[in-house]
Amino acid sequence: MPGMGGKECLGRLREQDPGVRVLVATGYTSDGSAQELLLQGAL
């Protein structure tokens, strides 16, 4: 996303609401970045 990517946004959403349910949309599933978001709590 412009300005603030999904990783930073997920972290800040979880600060506001630790129970937030998040899915990550990406075209780059093999680069490991999306997997990091799963470790951060994305569903």
PDB file of all heavy atoms in Angstrom:
ATOM      1  N   MET A   1       0.857  -1.185   0.000  1.00  0.00           N
ATOM      2  CA  MET A   1       0.000   0.000   0.000  1.00  0.00           C
ATOM      3  C   MET A   1       0.890   1.231   0.000  1.00  0.00           C
ATOM      4  O   MET A   1       1.994   1.195   0.552  1.00  0.00           O
ATOM      5  CB  MET A   1      -0.892   0.019   1.250  1.00  0.00           C
ATOM      6  CG  MET A   1      -1.888  -1.108   1.336  1.00  0.00           C
ATOM      7  SD  MET A   1      -3.009  -0.951   2.757  1.00  0.00           S
ATOM      8  CE  MET A   1      -1.909  -1.227   4.138  1.00  0.00           C
ATOM      9  N   PRO A   2       0.430   2.328  -0.583  1.00  0.00           N
ATOM     10  CA  PRO A   2       1.240   3.546  -0.567  1.00  0.00           C
ATOM     11  C   PRO A   2       1.393   4.084   0.854  1.00  0.00           C
ATOM     12  O   PRO A   2       0.477   3.969   1.676  1.00  0.00           O
ATOM     13  CB  PRO A   2       0.447   4.521  -1.443  1.00  0.00           C
ATOM     14  CG  PRO A   2      -0.909   3.942  -1.605  1.00  0.00           C
ATOM     15  CD  PRO A   2      -0.828   2.485  -1.283  1.00  0.00           C
ATOM     16  N   GLY A   3       2.554   4.625   1.146  1.00  0.00           N
ATOM     17  CA  GLY A   3       2.776   5.275   2.437  1.00  0.00           C
ATOM     18  C   GLY A   3       3.089   4.318   3.564  1.00  0.00           C
ATOM     19  O   GLY A   3       4.151   4.370   4.142  1.00  0.00           O
ATOM     20  N   MET A   4       2.180   3.439   3.870  1.00  0.00           N
ATOM     21  CA  MET A   4       2.344   2.492   4.976  1.00  0.00           C
ATOM     22  C   MET A   4       1.946   1.116   4.458  1.00  0.00           C
ATOM     23  O   MET A   4       0.804   0.892   4.102  1.00  0.00           O
ATOM     24  CB  MET A   4       1.453   2.878   6.161  1.00  0.00           C
ATOM     25  CG  MET A   4       1.517   1.902   7.321  1.00  0.00           C
ATOM     26  SD  MET A   4       0.266   2.208   8.600  1.00  0.00           S
ATOM     27  CE  MET A   4       0.664   3.858   9.103  1.00  0.00           C
ATOM     28  N   GLY A   5       2.897   0.207   4.434  1.00  0.00           N
ATOM     29  CA  GLY A   5       2.625  -1.134   3.933  1.00  0.00           C
ATOM     30  C   GLY A   5       1.800  -1.968   4.894  1.00  0.00           C
ATOM     31  O   GLY A   5       1.493  -1.560   6.021  1.00  0.00           O
ATOM     32  N   GLY A   6       1.446  -3.140   4.448  1.00  0.00           N
ATOM     33  CA  GLY A   6       0.603  -4.034   5.225  1.00  0.00           C
ATOM     34  C   GLY A   6       1.198  -4.455   6.554  1.00  0.00           C
ATOM     35  O   GLY A   6       0.495  -4.573   7.544  1.00  0.00           O
ATOM     36  N   LYS A   7       2.506  -4.666   6.592  1.00  0.00           N
ATOM     37  CA  LYS A   7       3.154  -5.110   7.830  1.00  0.00           C
ATOM     38  C   LYS A   7       3.014  -4.062   8.932  1.00  0.00           C
ATOM     39  O   LYS A   7       2.601  -4.377  10.049  1.00  0.00           O
ATOM     40  CB  LYS A   7       4.625  -5.413   7.563  1.00  0.00           C
ATOM     41  CG  LYS A   7       5.352  -5.970   8.744  1.00  0.00           C
ATOM     42  CD  LYS A   7       6.778  -6.346   8.376  1.00  0.00           C
ATOM     43  CE  LYS A   7       7.496  -6.904   9.578  1.00  0.00           C
ATOM     44  NZ  LYS A   7       8.862  -7.313   9.261  1.00  0.00           N
ATOM     45  N   GLU A   8       3.348  -2.821   8.615  1.00  0.00           N
ATOM     46  CA  GLU A   8       3.234  -1.753   9.613  1.00  0.00           C
ATOM     47  C   GLU A   8       1.777  -1.521   9.989  1.00  0.00           C
ATOM     48  O   GLU A   8       1.446  -1.340  11.174  1.00  0.00           O
ATOM     49  CB  GLU A   8       3.844  -0.455   9.097  1.00  0.00           C
ATOM     50  CG  GLU A   8       3.792   0.659  10.129  1.00  0.00           C
ATOM     51  CD  GLU A   8       4.404   1.959   9.648  1.00  0.00           C
ATOM     52  OE1 GLU A   8       4.980   2.006   8.545  1.00  0.00           O
ATOM     53  OE2 GLU A   8       4.288   2.946  10.396  1.00  0.00           O
ATOM     54  N   CYS A   9       0.895  -1.543   9.009  1.00  0.00           N
ATOM     55  CA  CYS A   9      -0.525  -1.323   9.274  1.00  0.00           C
ATOM     56  C   CYS A   9      -1.079  -2.408  10.189  1.00  0.00           C
ATOM     57  O   CYS A   9      -1.809  -2.112  11.133  1.00  0.00           O
ATOM     58  CB  CYS A   9      -1.291  -1.256   7.967  1.00  0.00           C
ATOM     59  SG  CYS A   9      -3.008  -0.730   8.176  1.00  0.00           S
ATOM     60  N   LEU A  10      -0.711  -3.660   9.938  1.00  0.00           N
ATOM     61  CA  LEU A  10      -1.173  -4.746  10.806  1.00  0.00           C
ATOM     62  C   LEU A  10      -0.707  -4.535  12.239  1.00  0.00           C
ATOM     63  O   LEU A  10      -1.484  -4.676  13.182  1.00  0.00           O
ATOM     64  CB  LEU A  10      -0.683  -6.103  10.293  1.00  0.00           C
ATOM     65  CG  LEU A  10      -0.976  -7.290  11.204  1.00  0.00           C
ATOM     66  CD1 LEU A  10      -2.476  -7.485  11.412  1.00  0.00           C
ATOM     67  CD2 LEU A  10      -0.346  -8.555  10.660  1.00  0.00           C
ATOM     68  N   GLY A  11       0.555  -4.165  12.410  1.00  0.00           N
ATOM     69  CA  GLY A  11       1.065  -3.912  13.759  1.00  0.00           C
ATOM     70  C   GLY A  11       0.285  -2.831  14.476  1.00  0.00           C
ATOM     71  O   GLY A  11      -0.075  -2.973  15.648  1.00  0.00           O
ATOM     72  N   ARG A  12      -0.011  -1.767  13.785  1.00  0.00           N
ATOM     73  CA  ARG A  12      -0.756  -0.657  14.402  1.00  0.00           C
ATOM     74  C   ARG A  12      -2.222  -1.024  14.650  1.00  0.00           C
ATOM     75  O   ARG A  12      -2.799  -0.605  15.658  1.00  0.00           O
ATOM     76  CB  ARG A  12      -0.642   0.586  13.545  1.00  0.00           C
ATOM     77  CG  ARG A  12       0.776   1.119  13.542  1.00  0.00           C
ATOM     78  CD  ARG A  12       0.805   2.511  13.039  1.00  0.00           C
ATOM     79  NE  ARG A  12       2.158   3.005  12.974  1.00  0.00           N
ATOM     80  CZ  ARG A  12       2.452   4.229  12.598  1.00  0.00           C
ATOM     81  NH1 ARG A  12       1.488   5.064  12.257  1.00  0.00           N
ATOM     82  NH2 ARG A  12       3.685   4.628  12.561  1.00  0.00           N
ATOM     83  N   LEU A  13      -2.812  -1.793  13.750  1.00  0.00           N
ATOM     84  CA  LEU A  13      -4.180  -2.260  13.995  1.00  0.00           C
ATOM     85  C   LEU A  13      -4.230  -3.104  15.252  1.00  0.00           C
ATOM     86  O   LEU A  13      -5.138  -2.979  16.075  1.00  0.00           O
ATOM     87  CB  LEU A  13      -4.695  -3.073  12.797  1.00  0.00           C
ATOM     88  CG  LEU A  13      -5.098  -2.296  11.553  1.00  0.00           C
ATOM     89  CD1 LEU A  13      -5.333  -3.253  10.393  1.00  0.00           C
ATOM     90  CD2 LEU A  13      -6.337  -1.453  11.816  1.00  0.00           C
ATOM     91  N   ARG A  14      -3.238  -3.993  15.419  1.00  0.00           N
ATOM     92  CA  ARG A  14      -3.207  -4.864  16.592  1.00  0.00           C
ATOM     93  C   ARG A  14      -2.944  -4.070  17.875  1.00  0.00           C
ATOM     94  O   ARG A  14      -3.368  -4.478  18.939  1.00  0.00           O
ATOM     95  CB  ARG A  14      -2.210  -5.991  16.395  1.00  0.00           C
ATOM     96  CG  ARG A  14      -2.720  -6.959  15.301  1.00  0.00           C
ATOM     97  CD  ARG A  14      -1.927  -8.218  15.155  1.00  0.00           C
ATOM     98  NE  ARG A  14      -1.812  -9.003  16.358  1.00  0.00           N
ATOM     99  CZ  ARG A  14      -2.742  -9.810  16.838  1.00  0.00           C
ATOM    100  NH1 ARG A  14      -3.904  -9.931  16.229  1.00  0.00           N
ATOM    101  NH2 ARG A  14      -2.525 -10.506  17.941  1.00  0.00           N
ATOM    102  N   GLU A  15      -2.262  -2.939  17.767  1.00  0.00           N
ATOM    103  CA  GLU A  15      -2.100  -2.061  18.933  1.00  0.00           C
ATOM    104  C   GLU A  15      -3.452  -1.488  19.342  1.00  0.00           C
ATOM    105  O   GLU A  15      -3.757  -1.390  20.523  1.00  0.00           O
ATOM    106  CB  GLU A  15      -1.134  -0.909  18.620  1.00  0.00           C
ATOM    107  CG  GLU A  15       0.315  -1.325  18.541  1.00  0.00           C
ATOM    108  CD  GLU A  15       1.214  -0.190  18.066  1.00  0.00           C
ATOM    109  OE1 GLU A  15       0.742   0.968  17.906  1.00  0.00           O
ATOM    110  OE2 GLU A  15       2.409  -0.462  17.831  1.00  0.00           O
ATOM    111  N   GLN A  16      -4.261  -1.090  18.357  1.00  0.00           N
ATOM    112  CA  GLN A  16      -5.583  -0.537  18.636  1.00  0.00           C
ATOM    113  C   GLN A  16      -6.535  -1.605  19.149  1.00  0.00           C
ATOM    114  O   GLN A  16      -7.365  -1.333  20.019  1.00  0.00           O
ATOM    115  CB  GLN A  16      -6.186   0.086  17.370  1.00  0.00           C
ATOM    116  CG  GLN A  16      -5.567   1.376  16.947  1.00  0.00           C
ATOM    117  CD  GLN A  16      -6.305   1.995  15.768  1.00  0.00           C
ATOM    118  OE1 GLN A  16      -7.515   1.844  15.614  1.00  0.00           O
ATOM    119  NE2 GLN A  16      -5.579   2.706  14.921  1.00  0.00           N
ATOM    120  N   ASP A  17      -6.439  -2.808  18.582  1.00  0.00           N
ATOM    121  CA  ASP A  17      -7.352  -3.898  18.933  1.00  0.00           C
ATOM    122  C   ASP A  17      -6.615  -5.227  18.754  1.00  0.00           C
ATOM    123  O   ASP A  17      -6.513  -5.732  17.644  1.00  0.00           O
ATOM    124  CB  ASP A  17      -8.589  -3.861  18.032  1.00  0.00           C
ATOM    125  CG  ASP A  17      -9.577  -4.987  18.322  1.00  0.00           C
ATOM    126  OD1 ASP A  17      -9.300  -5.850  19.185  1.00  0.00           O
ATOM    127  OD2 ASP A  17     -10.627  -5.018  17.659  1.00  0.00           O
ATOM    128  N   PRO A  18      -6.075  -5.793  19.842  1.00  0.00           N
ATOM    129  CA  PRO A  18      -5.316  -7.041  19.739  1.00  0.00           C
ATOM    130  C   PRO A  18      -6.119  -8.199  19.136  1.00  0.00           C
ATOM    131  O   PRO A  18      -5.539  -9.145  18.610  1.00  0.00           O
ATOM    132  CB  PRO A  18      -4.925  -7.354  21.185  1.00  0.00           C
ATOM    133  CG  PRO A  18      -5.001  -6.056  21.894  1.00  0.00           C
ATOM    134  CD  PRO A  18      -6.099  -5.275  21.209  1.00  0.00           C
ATOM    135  N   GLY A  19      -7.422  -8.120  19.150  1.00  0.00           N
ATOM    136  CA  GLY A  19      -8.260  -9.184  18.614  1.00  0.00           C
ATOM    137  C   GLY A  19      -8.691  -8.968  17.174  1.00  0.00           C
ATOM    138  O   GLY A  19      -9.490  -9.737  16.651  1.00  0.00           O
ATOM    139  N   VAL A  20      -8.146  -7.938  16.510  1.00  0.00           N
ATOM    140  CA  VAL A  20      -8.544  -7.638  15.140  1.00  0.00           C
ATOM    141  C   VAL A  20      -8.276  -8.845  14.241  1.00  0.00           C
ATOM    142  O   VAL A  20      -7.258  -9.512  14.356  1.00  0.00           O
ATOM    143  CB  VAL A  20      -7.834  -6.380  14.601  1.00  0.00           C
ATOM    144  CG1 VAL A  20      -6.328  -6.555  14.513  1.00  0.00           C
ATOM    145  CG2 VAL A  20      -8.411  -5.963  13.250  1.00  0.00           C
ATOM    146  N   ARG A  21      -9.235  -9.130  13.371  1.00  0.00           N
ATOM    147  CA  ARG A  21      -9.086 -10.242  12.426  1.00  0.00           C
ATOM    148  C   ARG A  21      -8.678  -9.666  11.077  1.00  0.00           C
ATOM    149  O   ARG A  21      -9.375  -8.804  10.531  1.00  0.00           O
ATOM    150  CB  ARG A  21     -10.387 -11.022  12.319  1.00  0.00           C
ATOM    151  CG  ARG A  21     -10.700 -11.739  13.644  1.00  0.00           C
ATOM    152  CD  ARG A  21     -11.962 -12.502  13.569  1.00  0.00           C
ATOM    153  NE  ARG A  21     -13.085 -11.564  13.636  1.00  0.00           N
ATOM    154  CZ  ARG A  21     -14.317 -11.927  13.903  1.00  0.00           C
ATOM    155  NH1 ARG A  21     -14.616 -13.186  14.104  1.00  0.00           N
ATOM    156  NH2 ARG A  21     -15.283 -11.033  13.957  1.00  0.00           N
ATOM    157  N   VAL A  22      -7.540 -10.143  10.565  1.00  0.00           N
ATOM    158  CA  VAL A  22      -6.952  -9.581   9.352  1.00  0.00           C
ATOM    159  C   VAL A  22      -6.587 -10.688   8.371  1.00  0.00           C
ATOM    160  O   VAL A  22      -5.981 -11.688   8.753  1.00  0.00           O
ATOM    161  CB  VAL A  22      -5.678  -8.765   9.698  1.00  0.00           C
ATOM    162  CG1 VAL A  22      -4.998  -8.257   8.428  1.00  0.00           C
ATOM    163  CG2 VAL A  22      -6.006  -7.608  10.628  1.00  0.00           C
ATOM    164  N   LEU A  23      -6.970 -10.471   7.121  1.00  0.00           N
ATOM    165  CA  LEU A  23      -6.487 -11.281   6.006  1.00  0.00           C
ATOM    166  C   LEU A  23      -5.549 -10.398   5.196  1.00  0.00           C
ATOM    167  O   LEU A  23      -5.771  -9.191   5.090  1.00  0.00           O
ATOM    168  CB  LEU A  23      -7.632 -11.735   5.105  1.00  0.00           C
ATOM    169  CG  LEU A  23      -8.615 -12.744   5.679  1.00  0.00           C
ATOM    170  CD1 LEU A  23      -9.746 -12.983   4.681  1.00  0.00           C
ATOM    171  CD2 LEU A  23      -7.907 -14.056   6.003  1.00  0.00           C
ATOM    172  N   VAL A  24      -4.519 -11.000   4.626  1.00  0.00           N
ATOM    173  CA  VAL A  24      -3.551 -10.266   3.833  1.00  0.00           C
ATOM    174  C   VAL A  24      -3.724 -10.634   2.365  1.00  0.00           C
ATOM    175  O   VAL A  24      -3.702 -11.817   2.020  1.00  0.00           O
ATOM    176  CB  VAL A  24      -2.114 -10.599   4.290  1.00  0.00           C
ATOM    177  CG1 VAL A  24      -1.105  -9.880   3.418  1.00  0.00           C
ATOM    178  CG2 VAL A  24      -1.931 -10.248   5.753  1.00  0.00           C
ATOM    179  N   ALA A  25      -3.893  -9.623   1.524  1.00  0.00           N
ATOM    180  CA  ALA A  25      -3.990  -9.836   0.083  1.00  0.00           C
ATOM    181  C   ALA A  25      -2.636  -9.514  -0.534  1.00  0.00           C
ATOM    182  O   ALA A  25      -2.062  -8.454  -0.271  1.00  0.00           O
ATOM    183  CB  ALA A  25      -5.069  -8.939  -0.516  1.00  0.00           C
ATOM    184  N   THR A  26      -2.116 -10.444  -1.321  1.00  0.00           N
ATOM    185  CA  THR A  26      -0.820 -10.231  -1.936  1.00  0.00           C
ATOM    186  C   THR A  26      -0.674 -11.037  -3.210  1.00  0.00           C
ATOM    187  O   THR A  26      -1.309 -12.076  -3.362  1.00  0.00           O
ATOM    188  CB  THR A  26       0.330 -10.579  -0.962  1.00  0.00           C
ATOM    189  OG1 THR A  26       1.574 -10.276  -1.580  1.00  0.00           O
ATOM    190  CG2 THR A  26       0.289 -12.034  -0.555  1.00  0.00           C
ATOM    191  N   GLY A  27       0.160 -10.558  -4.080  1.00  0.00           N
ATOM    192  CA  GLY A  27       0.523 -11.290  -5.280  1.00  0.00           C
ATOM    193  C   GLY A  27       1.894 -11.916  -5.131  1.00  0.00           C
ATOM    194  O   GLY A  27       2.401 -12.557  -6.024  1.00  0.00           O
ATOM    195  N   TYR A  28       2.505 -11.727  -3.958  1.00  0.00           N
ATOM    196  CA  TYR A  28       3.869 -12.192  -3.705  1.00  0.00           C
ATOM    197  C   TYR A  28       3.912 -13.162  -2.535  1.00  0.00           C
ATOM    198  O   TYR A  28       4.421 -12.849  -1.474  1.00  0.00           O
ATOM    199  CB  TYR A  28       4.785 -11.003  -3.393  1.00  0.00           C
ATOM    200  CG  TYR A  28       4.748  -9.922  -4.432  1.00  0.00           C
ATOM    201  CD1 TYR A  28       3.984  -8.777  -4.238  1.00  0.00           C
ATOM    202  CD2 TYR A  28       5.468 -10.045  -5.612  1.00  0.00           C
ATOM    203  CE1 TYR A  28       3.949  -7.781  -5.201  1.00  0.00           C
ATOM    204  CE2 TYR A  28       5.431  -9.056  -6.577  1.00  0.00           C
ATOM    205  CZ  TYR A  28       4.675  -7.924  -6.363  1.00  0.00           C
ATOM    206  OH  TYR A  28       4.634  -6.946  -7.316  1.00  0.00           O
ATOM    207  N   THR A  29       3.370 -14.346  -2.698  1.00  0.00           N
ATOM    208  CA  THR A  29       3.313 -15.295  -1.580  1.00  0.00           C
ATOM    209  C   THR A  29       4.625 -16.020  -1.356  1.00  0.00           C
ATOM    210  O   THR A  29       4.822 -16.601  -0.303  1.00  0.00           O
ATOM    211  CB  THR A  29       2.198 -16.333  -1.788  1.00  0.00           C
ATOM    212  OG1 THR A  29       2.423 -16.996  -3.026  1.00  0.00           O
ATOM    213  CG2 THR A  29       0.836 -15.696  -1.778  1.00  0.00           C
ATOM    214  N   SER A  30       5.539 -15.977  -2.313  1.00  0.00           N
ATOM    215  CA  SER A  30       6.764 -16.755  -2.164  1.00  0.00           C
ATOM    216  C   SER A  30       7.920 -15.967  -1.556  1.00  0.00           C
ATOM    217  O   SER A  30       8.959 -16.530  -1.271  1.00  0.00           O
ATOM    218  CB  SER A  30       7.194 -17.314  -3.528  1.00  0.00           C
ATOM    219  OG  SER A  30       7.458 -16.243  -4.419  1.00  0.00           O
ATOM    220  N   ASP A  31       7.744 -14.661  -1.316  1.00  0.00           N
ATOM    221  CA  ASP A  31       8.884 -13.879  -0.830  1.00  0.00           C
ATOM    222  C   ASP A  31       9.025 -13.867   0.685  1.00  0.00           C
ATOM    223  O   ASP A  31       9.961 -13.306   1.216  1.00  0.00           O
ATOM    224  CB  ASP A  31       8.844 -12.457  -1.387  1.00  0.00           C
ATOM    225  CG  ASP A  31       7.772 -11.579  -0.757  1.00  0.00           C
ATOM    226  OD1 ASP A  31       6.983 -12.071   0.067  1.00  0.00           O
ATOM    227  OD2 ASP A  31       7.729 -10.386  -1.101  1.00  0.00           O
ATOM    228  N   GLY A  32       8.127 -14.467   1.416  1.00  0.00           N
ATOM    229  CA  GLY A  32       8.244 -14.556   2.869  1.00  0.00           C
ATOM    230  C   GLY A  32       7.598 -13.417   3.625  1.00  0.00           C
ATOM    231  O   GLY A  32       7.329 -13.543   4.811  1.00  0.00           O
ATOM    232  N   SER A  33       7.361 -12.281   2.993  1.00  0.00           N
ATOM    233  CA  SER A  33       6.766 -11.134   3.692  1.00  0.00           C
ATOM    234  C   SER A  33       5.373 -11.453   4.203  1.00  0.00           C
ATOM    235  O   SER A  33       5.015 -11.084   5.329  1.00  0.00           O
ATOM    236  CB  SER A  33       6.691  -9.926   2.766  1.00  0.00           C
ATOM    237  OG  SER A  33       7.961  -9.560   2.332  1.00  0.00           O
ATOM    238  N   ALA A  34       4.582 -12.118   3.388  1.00  0.00           N
ATOM    239  CA  ALA A  34       3.229 -12.476   3.817  1.00  0.00           C
ATOM    240  C   ALA A  34       3.282 -13.451   4.982  1.00  0.00           C
ATOM    241  O   ALA A  34       2.466 -13.365   5.905  1.00  0.00           O
ATOM    242  CB  ALA A  34       2.445 -13.067   2.647  1.00  0.00           C
ATOM    243  N   GLN A  35       4.247 -14.352   4.962  1.00  0.00           N
ATOM    244  CA  GLN A  35       4.392 -15.312   6.064  1.00  0.00           C
ATOM    245  C   GLN A  35       4.705 -14.585   7.369  1.00  0.00           C
ATOM    246  O   GLN A  35       4.250 -14.986   8.431  1.00  0.00           O
ATOM    247  CB  GLN A  35       5.488 -16.333   5.740  1.00  0.00           C
ATOM    248  CG  GLN A  35       5.217 -17.167   4.508  1.00  0.00           C
ATOM    249  CD  GLN A  35       3.915 -17.960   4.582  1.00  0.00           C
ATOM    250  OE1 GLN A  35       3.559 -18.486   5.618  1.00  0.00           O
ATOM    251  NE2 GLN A  35       3.204 -18.023   3.469  1.00  0.00           N
ATOM    252  N   GLU A  36       5.487 -13.508   7.294  1.00  0.00           N
ATOM    253  CA  GLU A  36       5.786 -12.707   8.486  1.00  0.00           C
ATOM    254  C   GLU A  36       4.501 -12.151   9.094  1.00  0.00           C
ATOM    255  O   GLU A  36       4.360 -12.082  10.313  1.00  0.00           O
ATOM    256  CB  GLU A  36       6.715 -11.545   8.136  1.00  0.00           C
ATOM    257  CG  GLU A  36       8.134 -11.943   7.864  1.00  0.00           C
ATOM    258  CD  GLU A  36       8.988 -10.725   7.543  1.00  0.00           C
ATOM    259  OE1 GLU A  36       8.798  -9.667   8.192  1.00  0.00           O
ATOM    260  OE2 GLU A  36       9.838 -10.839   6.649  1.00  0.00           O
ATOM    261  N   LEU A  37       3.561 -11.753   8.236  1.00  0.00           N
ATOM    262  CA  LEU A  37       2.299 -11.205   8.739  1.00  0.00           C
ATOM    263  C   LEU A  37       1.477 -12.275   9.445  1.00  0.00           C
ATOM    264  O   LEU A  37       0.762 -11.983  10.407  1.00  0.00           O
ATOM    265  CB  LEU A  37       1.506 -10.552   7.610  1.00  0.00           C
ATOM    266  CG  LEU A  37       2.137  -9.283   7.047  1.00  0.00           C
ATOM    267  CD1 LEU A  37       1.329  -8.762   5.883  1.00  0.00           C
ATOM    268  CD2 LEU A  37       2.263  -8.213   8.102  1.00  0.00           C
ATOM    269  N   LEU A  38       1.578 -13.509   9.001  1.00  0.00           N
ATOM    270  CA  LEU A  38       0.901 -14.598   9.711  1.00  0.00           C
ATOM    271  C   LEU A  38       1.486 -14.733  11.111  1.00  0.00           C
ATOM    272  O   LEU A  38       0.760 -14.950  12.084  1.00  0.00           O
ATOM    273  CB  LEU A  38       1.040 -15.914   8.944  1.00  0.00           C
ATOM    274  CG  LEU A  38       0.281 -15.990   7.619  1.00  0.00           C
ATOM    275  CD1 LEU A  38       0.622 -17.291   6.900  1.00  0.00           C
ATOM    276  CD2 LEU A  38      -1.213 -15.861   7.822  1.00  0.00           C
ATOM    277  N   LEU A  39       2.790 -14.585  11.231  1.00  0.00           N
ATOM    278  CA  LEU A  39       3.437 -14.647  12.542  1.00  0.00           C
ATOM    279  C   LEU A  39       3.041 -13.466  13.421  1.00  0.00           C
ATOM    280  O   LEU A  39       3.031 -13.573  14.638  1.00  0.00           O
ATOM    281  CB  LEU A  39       4.961 -14.703  12.387  1.00  0.00           C
ATOM    282  CG  LEU A  39       5.498 -15.952  11.711  1.00  0.00           C
ATOM    283  CD1 LEU A  39       7.004 -15.824  11.466  1.00  0.00           C
ATOM    284  CD2 LEU A  39       5.194 -17.199  12.534  1.00  0.00           C
ATOM    285  N   GLN A  40       2.691 -12.346  12.805  1.00  0.00           N
ATOM    286  CA  GLN A  40       2.227 -11.158  13.532  1.00  0.00           C
ATOM    287  C   GLN A  40       0.764 -11.260  13.928  1.00  0.00           C
ATOM    288  O   GLN A  40       0.252 -10.377  14.600  1.00  0.00           O
ATOM    289  CB  GLN A  40       2.407  -9.903  12.682  1.00  0.00           C
ATOM    290  CG  GLN A  40       3.776  -9.314  12.702  1.00  0.00           C
ATOM    291  CD  GLN A  40       3.774  -7.989  11.961  1.00  0.00           C
ATOM    292  OE1 GLN A  40       4.147  -7.928  10.800  1.00  0.00           O
ATOM    293  NE2 GLN A  40       3.359  -6.933  12.629  1.00  0.00           N
ATOM    294  N   GLY A  41       0.070 -12.295  13.462  1.00  0.00           N
ATOM    295  CA  GLY A  41      -1.317 -12.461  13.871  1.00  0.00           C
ATOM    296  C   GLY A  41      -2.354 -12.401  12.772  1.00  0.00           C
ATOM    297  O   GLY A  41      -3.544 -12.504  13.060  1.00  0.00           O
ATOM    298  N   ALA A  42      -1.935 -12.210  11.519  1.00  0.00           N
ATOM    299  CA  ALA A  42      -2.910 -12.255  10.433  1.00  0.00           C
ATOM    300  C   ALA A  42      -3.496 -13.659  10.361  1.00  0.00           C
ATOM    301  O   ALA A  42      -2.816 -14.647  10.636  1.00  0.00           O
ATOM    302  CB  ALA A  42      -2.254 -11.878   9.099  1.00  0.00           C
ATOM    303  N   LEU A  43      -4.764 -13.757   9.991  1.00  0.00           N
ATOM    304  CA  LEU A  43      -5.447 -15.055   9.942  1.00  0.00           C
ATOM    305  C   LEU A  43      -5.110 -15.869   8.712  1.00  0.00           C
ATOM    306  O   LEU A  43      -5.173 -17.091   8.733  1.00  0.00           O
ATOM    307  CB  LEU A  43      -6.960 -14.846   9.985  1.00  0.00           C
ATOM    308  CG  LEU A  43      -7.531 -14.244  11.245  1.00  0.00           C
ATOM    309  CD1 LEU A  43      -9.020 -13.981  11.062  1.00  0.00           C
ATOM    310  CD2 LEU A  43      -7.294 -15.152  12.434  1.00  0.00           C
TER     311      LEU A  43
END
